[in-house]
Amino acid sequence: MNTKTNETLLGDERLTKTSGASARGARDNADNARTHTDGISLSAEERRRLLRQEWVQEVLPSIKAPEGWHYCWLSTTNSTDPIYKRMQMGYIPVKATEVPGYQDSQYKVLGGDFDGCIACSEMLLFKVTQERYQDLMTIYHSDLPAEQEQSIRERVESMTNMDSEGRRLVTNEGFDRLGRNLNPQFA
C-alpha cells in the first residue's frame, strides 16, 4: 500500500487526523480557567451554590419575631401535630395587625376560625414565648431523646455477656455516651 499521509489520502488538510489532546489542549482545569466575558459562564463553585439553592424551597415568608417571642409556621392539615394541640401548649396565632406590612397583605386570612391571622396556603403563623419555646425544645429534642438513648444503653449492657472473671466479651464503643443529657440551647 502507498505510504502517503492522511492529508494526501483525504485531499483536504482540514480532514487530517491529529491526536486529540495535542489539538485541543488539556481540559483538566478548563472549568477553573473559564472567563466571565458574557455573564453566563459559571465557575464550579457558583454552579454548586445555585444547585444547592434549587432544592431549597422557601415559599413561606420569613417574618422576624419580636424580642421574647418565637414564630413558627404550623400546618392546618397535619393530623399528627394538629393546631389545637399546639394551642394547648401555649402557641398563639399571629394577627396581621401585629406585624408591620401585613395588615392588608395577601397573607391575611379573611373569615373563618383564624380571621385576621397570617397564613400562606395551609400554613398559619403562630407565636410562643421564647421561654416556653426553650422548654419545649429541651423536652422534645434533648430530654426525651436522652431518655431513649439511656434505655438503649441499658438494654445493650444487659445483653452483653461476661466471661468467668466478669469482663465483657464484646465491647460496644460509643454506647457509654448514650443517655447523657447535654442541655443544649435552641435558636
C-alpha atoms as a PDB file:
ATOM      1  CA  MET A   1       0.000   0.000   0.000  1.00  0.00           C
ATOM      2  CA  ASN A   2       1.028   3.533  -0.604  1.00  0.00           C
ATOM      3  CA  THR A   3       2.651   5.303   2.368  1.00  0.00           C
ATOM      4  CA  LYS A   4       1.085   8.657   1.747  1.00  0.00           C
ATOM      5  CA  THR A   5      -0.006  10.810   4.659  1.00  0.00           C
ATOM      6  CA  ASN A   6      -3.620  11.141   5.708  1.00  0.00           C
ATOM      7  CA  GLU A   7      -3.587  14.630   4.260  1.00  0.00           C
ATOM      8  CA  THR A   8      -2.776  13.353   0.814  1.00  0.00           C
ATOM      9  CA  LEU A   9      -5.268  10.499   1.040  1.00  0.00           C
ATOM     10  CA  LEU A  10      -8.131  12.675   2.107  1.00  0.00           C
ATOM     11  CA  GLY A  11      -7.254  15.505  -0.198  1.00  0.00           C
ATOM     12  CA  ASP A  12      -8.029  18.226   2.316  1.00  0.00           C
ATOM     13  CA  GLU A  13      -5.756  19.344   5.120  1.00  0.00           C
ATOM     14  CA  ARG A  14      -8.786  20.113   7.313  1.00  0.00           C
ATOM     15  CA  LEU A  15      -9.576  16.408   7.462  1.00  0.00           C
ATOM     16  CA  THR A  16      -6.185  15.286   8.739  1.00  0.00           C
ATOM     17  CA  LYS A  17      -6.132  13.122  11.829  1.00  0.00           C
ATOM     18  CA  THR A  18      -4.391  14.565  14.857  1.00  0.00           C
ATOM     19  CA  SER A  19      -4.096  13.310  18.359  1.00  0.00           C
ATOM     20  CA  GLY A  20      -6.993  14.784  20.376  1.00  0.00           C
ATOM     21  CA  ALA A  21      -5.117  16.144  23.395  1.00  0.00           C
ATOM     22  CA  SER A  22      -2.493  17.957  21.363  1.00  0.00           C
ATOM     23  CA  ALA A  23      -5.104  19.552  19.128  1.00  0.00           C
ATOM     24  CA  ARG A  24      -7.471  20.825  21.796  1.00  0.00           C
ATOM     25  CA  GLY A  25      -5.184  21.231  24.810  1.00  0.00           C
ATOM     26  CA  ALA A  26      -5.588  19.939  28.358  1.00  0.00           C
ATOM     27  CA  ARG A  27      -9.097  20.039  29.824  1.00  0.00           C
ATOM     28  CA  ASP A  28      -8.140  19.362  33.442  1.00  0.00           C
ATOM     29  CA  ASN A  29      -8.507  22.951  34.645  1.00  0.00           C
ATOM     30  CA  ALA A  30     -10.835  24.251  31.974  1.00  0.00           C
ATOM     31  CA  ASP A  31     -13.616  24.978  34.490  1.00  0.00           C
ATOM     32  CA  ASN A  32     -11.334  26.997  36.741  1.00  0.00           C
ATOM     33  CA  ALA A  33      -9.840  28.962  33.845  1.00  0.00           C
ATOM     34  CA  ARG A  34     -13.218  29.895  32.366  1.00  0.00           C
ATOM     35  CA  THR A  35     -13.686  33.623  31.883  1.00  0.00           C
ATOM     36  CA  HIS A  36     -16.887  35.527  32.526  1.00  0.00           C
ATOM     37  CA  THR A  37     -16.982  37.727  29.460  1.00  0.00           C
ATOM     38  CA  ASP A  38     -20.649  37.234  28.651  1.00  0.00           C
ATOM     39  CA  GLY A  39     -22.004  36.951  32.194  1.00  0.00           C
ATOM     40  CA  ILE A  40     -23.408  33.478  31.534  1.00  0.00           C
ATOM     41  CA  SER A  41     -20.453  31.225  32.344  1.00  0.00           C
ATOM     42  CA  LEU A  42     -20.273  29.961  35.928  1.00  0.00           C
ATOM     43  CA  SER A  43     -17.387  28.589  37.934  1.00  0.00           C
ATOM     44  CA  ALA A  44     -17.785  25.200  39.581  1.00  0.00           C
ATOM     45  CA  GLU A  45     -18.318  26.863  42.980  1.00  0.00           C
ATOM     46  CA  GLU A  46     -21.030  29.184  41.656  1.00  0.00           C
ATOM     47  CA  ARG A  47     -22.769  26.297  39.893  1.00  0.00           C
ATOM     48  CA  ARG A  48     -22.758  24.168  43.087  1.00  0.00           C
ATOM     49  CA  ARG A  49     -24.213  27.077  45.091  1.00  0.00           C
ATOM     50  CA  LEU A  50     -27.016  27.509  42.543  1.00  0.00           C
ATOM     51  CA  LEU A  51     -27.750  23.781  42.520  1.00  0.00           C
ATOM     52  CA  ARG A  52     -27.982  23.755  46.331  1.00  0.00           C
ATOM     53  CA  GLN A  53     -30.387  26.695  46.257  1.00  0.00           C
ATOM     54  CA  GLU A  54     -32.536  24.971  43.627  1.00  0.00           C
ATOM     55  CA  TRP A  55     -33.526  22.264  46.116  1.00  0.00           C
ATOM     56  CA  VAL A  56     -34.318  24.718  48.929  1.00  0.00           C
ATOM     57  CA  GLN A  57     -37.984  25.566  48.900  1.00  0.00           C
ATOM     58  CA  GLU A  58     -38.713  28.875  50.554  1.00  0.00           C
ATOM     59  CA  VAL A  59     -42.348  29.529  49.813  1.00  0.00           C
ATOM     60  CA  LEU A  60     -43.220  30.772  53.303  1.00  0.00           C
ATOM     61  CA  PRO A  61     -42.408  34.377  54.138  1.00  0.00           C
ATOM     62  CA  SER A  62     -39.630  34.869  56.662  1.00  0.00           C
ATOM     63  CA  ILE A  63     -41.053  37.055  59.420  1.00  0.00           C
ATOM     64  CA  LYS A  64     -38.835  38.148  62.292  1.00  0.00           C
ATOM     65  CA  ALA A  65     -40.360  37.591  65.717  1.00  0.00           C
ATOM     66  CA  PRO A  66     -40.292  40.426  68.263  1.00  0.00           C
ATOM     67  CA  GLU A  67     -37.987  40.170  71.264  1.00  0.00           C
ATOM     68  CA  GLY A  68     -39.096  37.440  73.688  1.00  0.00           C
ATOM     69  CA  TRP A  69     -41.145  35.508  71.114  1.00  0.00           C
ATOM     70  CA  HIS A  70     -40.563  32.663  68.671  1.00  0.00           C
ATOM     71  CA  TYR A  71     -42.523  32.436  65.397  1.00  0.00           C
ATOM     72  CA  CYS A  72     -43.248  29.212  63.530  1.00  0.00           C
ATOM     73  CA  TRP A  73     -45.472  28.054  60.701  1.00  0.00           C
ATOM     74  CA  LEU A  74     -47.990  25.333  61.594  1.00  0.00           C
ATOM     75  CA  SER A  75     -49.926  23.182  59.151  1.00  0.00           C
ATOM     76  CA  THR A  76     -53.710  23.050  59.274  1.00  0.00           C
ATOM     77  CA  THR A  77     -53.626  19.628  57.548  1.00  0.00           C
ATOM     78  CA  ASN A  78     -51.139  17.771  59.786  1.00  0.00           C
ATOM     79  CA  SER A  79     -53.082  15.090  61.681  1.00  0.00           C
ATOM     80  CA  THR A  80     -50.087  14.028  63.814  1.00  0.00           C
ATOM     81  CA  ASP A  81     -49.392  17.592  65.007  1.00  0.00           C
ATOM     82  CA  PRO A  82     -52.764  19.379  64.946  1.00  0.00           C
ATOM     83  CA  ILE A  83     -53.035  23.071  65.699  1.00  0.00           C
ATOM     84  CA  TYR A  84     -55.323  22.557  68.700  1.00  0.00           C
ATOM     85  CA  LYS A  85     -52.525  20.601  70.456  1.00  0.00           C
ATOM     86  CA  ARG A  86     -50.070  23.426  69.803  1.00  0.00           C
ATOM     87  CA  MET A  87     -52.586  25.897  71.167  1.00  0.00           C
ATOM     88  CA  GLN A  88     -52.881  23.742  74.312  1.00  0.00           C
ATOM     89  CA  MET A  89     -49.077  24.027  74.669  1.00  0.00           C
ATOM     90  CA  GLY A  90     -49.295  27.831  74.525  1.00  0.00           C
ATOM     91  CA  TYR A  91     -48.929  28.667  70.842  1.00  0.00           C
ATOM     92  CA  ILE A  92     -50.924  31.736  69.774  1.00  0.00           C
ATOM     93  CA  PRO A  93     -51.933  32.656  66.201  1.00  0.00           C
ATOM     94  CA  VAL A  94     -50.236  35.817  64.924  1.00  0.00           C
ATOM     95  CA  LYS A  95     -52.658  38.519  63.791  1.00  0.00           C
ATOM     96  CA  ALA A  96     -51.795  40.516  60.666  1.00  0.00           C
ATOM     97  CA  THR A  97     -52.147  43.712  62.688  1.00  0.00           C
ATOM     98  CA  GLU A  98     -49.192  42.627  64.878  1.00  0.00           C
ATOM     99  CA  VAL A  99     -46.707  42.521  62.003  1.00  0.00           C
ATOM    100  CA  PRO A 100     -45.818  45.732  60.157  1.00  0.00           C
ATOM    101  CA  GLY A 101     -46.632  45.488  56.461  1.00  0.00           C
ATOM    102  CA  TYR A 102     -49.049  42.559  56.780  1.00  0.00           C
ATOM    103  CA  GLN A 103     -52.260  44.428  57.736  1.00  0.00           C
ATOM    104  CA  ASP A 104     -53.573  44.459  54.161  1.00  0.00           C
ATOM    105  CA  SER A 105     -51.356  41.796  52.597  1.00  0.00           C
ATOM    106  CA  GLN A 106     -52.201  38.693  50.627  1.00  0.00           C
ATOM    107  CA  TYR A 107     -51.251  36.643  53.712  1.00  0.00           C
ATOM    108  CA  LYS A 108     -54.130  37.947  55.870  1.00  0.00           C
ATOM    109  CA  VAL A 109     -56.904  35.381  56.446  1.00  0.00           C
ATOM    110  CA  LEU A 110     -60.361  36.752  55.715  1.00  0.00           C
ATOM    111  CA  GLY A 111     -63.043  34.853  57.648  1.00  0.00           C
ATOM    112  CA  GLY A 112     -63.155  31.503  59.400  1.00  0.00           C
ATOM    113  CA  ASP A 113     -61.607  30.386  62.677  1.00  0.00           C
ATOM    114  CA  PHE A 114     -58.395  32.320  62.052  1.00  0.00           C
ATOM    115  CA  ASP A 115     -59.876  35.561  60.716  1.00  0.00           C
ATOM    116  CA  GLY A 116     -57.235  38.314  60.628  1.00  0.00           C
ATOM    117  CA  CYS A 117     -54.313  35.920  61.161  1.00  0.00           C
ATOM    118  CA  ILE A 118     -51.311  35.459  58.865  1.00  0.00           C
ATOM    119  CA  ALA A 119     -51.416  32.390  56.593  1.00  0.00           C
ATOM    120  CA  CYS A 120     -49.756  31.043  53.472  1.00  0.00           C
ATOM    121  CA  SER A 121     -51.604  28.193  51.734  1.00  0.00           C
ATOM    122  CA  GLU A 122     -52.487  25.741  54.545  1.00  0.00           C
ATOM    123  CA  MET A 123     -49.824  27.126  56.892  1.00  0.00           C
ATOM    124  CA  LEU A 124     -50.638  29.518  59.745  1.00  0.00           C
ATOM    125  CA  LEU A 125     -48.128  31.710  61.562  1.00  0.00           C
ATOM    126  CA  PHE A 126     -48.061  31.093  65.329  1.00  0.00           C
ATOM    127  CA  LYS A 127     -46.016  32.510  68.171  1.00  0.00           C
ATOM    128  CA  VAL A 128     -44.895  31.188  71.532  1.00  0.00           C
ATOM    129  CA  THR A 129     -42.872  32.875  74.256  1.00  0.00           C
ATOM    130  CA  GLN A 130     -39.135  32.314  73.981  1.00  0.00           C
ATOM    131  CA  GLU A 131     -39.108  30.774  77.484  1.00  0.00           C
ATOM    132  CA  ARG A 132     -41.801  28.229  76.588  1.00  0.00           C
ATOM    133  CA  TYR A 133     -40.082  27.552  73.242  1.00  0.00           C
ATOM    134  CA  GLN A 134     -36.810  26.729  75.039  1.00  0.00           C
ATOM    135  CA  ASP A 135     -38.710  24.426  77.448  1.00  0.00           C
ATOM    136  CA  LEU A 136     -40.481  22.602  74.602  1.00  0.00           C
ATOM    137  CA  MET A 137     -37.306  22.214  72.549  1.00  0.00           C
ATOM    138  CA  THR A 138     -35.381  20.950  75.572  1.00  0.00           C
ATOM    139  CA  ILE A 139     -38.086  18.396  76.385  1.00  0.00           C
ATOM    140  CA  TYR A 140     -38.668  17.135  72.837  1.00  0.00           C
ATOM    141  CA  HIS A 141     -35.176  17.454  71.370  1.00  0.00           C
ATOM    142  CA  SER A 142     -32.920  16.836  74.357  1.00  0.00           C
ATOM    143  CA  ASP A 143     -34.607  15.198  77.364  1.00  0.00           C
ATOM    144  CA  LEU A 144     -36.774  12.638  75.542  1.00  0.00           C
ATOM    145  CA  PRO A 145     -34.016  11.558  73.103  1.00  0.00           C
ATOM    146  CA  ALA A 146     -31.583  11.262  76.050  1.00  0.00           C
ATOM    147  CA  GLU A 147     -34.092   9.029  77.882  1.00  0.00           C
ATOM    148  CA  GLN A 148     -34.431   6.853  74.768  1.00  0.00           C
ATOM    149  CA  GLU A 149     -30.645   6.649  74.453  1.00  0.00           C
ATOM    150  CA  GLN A 150     -30.373   5.699  78.141  1.00  0.00           C
ATOM    151  CA  SER A 151     -32.891   2.898  77.574  1.00  0.00           C
ATOM    152  CA  ILE A 152     -30.928   1.631  74.562  1.00  0.00           C
ATOM    153  CA  ARG A 153     -27.655   1.747  76.529  1.00  0.00           C
ATOM    154  CA  GLU A 154     -29.193  -0.204  79.423  1.00  0.00           C
ATOM    155  CA  ARG A 155     -30.588  -2.858  77.039  1.00  0.00           C
ATOM    156  CA  VAL A 156     -27.231  -3.245  75.305  1.00  0.00           C
ATOM    157  CA  GLU A 157     -25.427  -3.517  78.656  1.00  0.00           C
ATOM    158  CA  SER A 158     -27.889  -6.158  79.886  1.00  0.00           C
ATOM    159  CA  MET A 159     -27.345  -8.232  76.727  1.00  0.00           C
ATOM    160  CA  THR A 160     -23.557  -8.109  76.943  1.00  0.00           C
ATOM    161  CA  ASN A 161     -22.132 -11.459  78.086  1.00  0.00           C
ATOM    162  CA  MET A 162     -19.372 -11.599  80.682  1.00  0.00           C
ATOM    163  CA  ASP A 163     -16.589 -14.109  80.992  1.00  0.00           C
ATOM    164  CA  SER A 164     -15.880 -16.047  84.222  1.00  0.00           C
ATOM    165  CA  GLU A 165     -13.805 -13.145  85.573  1.00  0.00           C
ATOM    166  CA  GLY A 166     -16.546 -10.507  84.989  1.00  0.00           C
ATOM    167  CA  ARG A 167     -15.035  -8.917  81.884  1.00  0.00           C
ATOM    168  CA  ARG A 168     -17.231  -8.075  78.932  1.00  0.00           C
ATOM    169  CA  LEU A 169     -16.840 -10.404  75.972  1.00  0.00           C
ATOM    170  CA  VAL A 170     -17.881  -7.704  73.497  1.00  0.00           C
ATOM    171  CA  THR A 171     -17.098  -4.011  73.716  1.00  0.00           C
ATOM    172  CA  ASN A 172     -19.638  -1.541  72.423  1.00  0.00           C
ATOM    173  CA  GLU A 173     -17.746   1.609  71.574  1.00  0.00           C
ATOM    174  CA  GLY A 174     -19.803   4.768  71.881  1.00  0.00           C
ATOM    175  CA  PHE A 175     -22.649   3.237  73.892  1.00  0.00           C
ATOM    176  CA  ASP A 176     -21.246   4.697  77.115  1.00  0.00           C
ATOM    177  CA  ARG A 177     -22.083   8.178  75.763  1.00  0.00           C
ATOM    178  CA  LEU A 178     -25.747   7.348  75.102  1.00  0.00           C
ATOM    179  CA  GLY A 179     -28.225   8.880  77.515  1.00  0.00           C
ATOM    180  CA  ARG A 180     -26.016  11.758  78.584  1.00  0.00           C
ATOM    181  CA  ASN A 181     -28.054  14.963  78.509  1.00  0.00           C
ATOM    182  CA  LEU A 182     -26.090  17.976  77.242  1.00  0.00           C
ATOM    183  CA  ASN A 183     -28.792  20.665  77.849  1.00  0.00           C
ATOM    184  CA  PRO A 184     -28.446  22.457  74.508  1.00  0.00           C
ATOM    185  CA  GLN A 185     -29.806  25.922  73.715  1.00  0.00           C
ATOM    186  CA  PHE A 186     -32.127  26.209  70.730  1.00  0.00           C
ATOM    187  CA  ALA A 187     -32.085  29.255  68.460  1.00  0.00           C
END
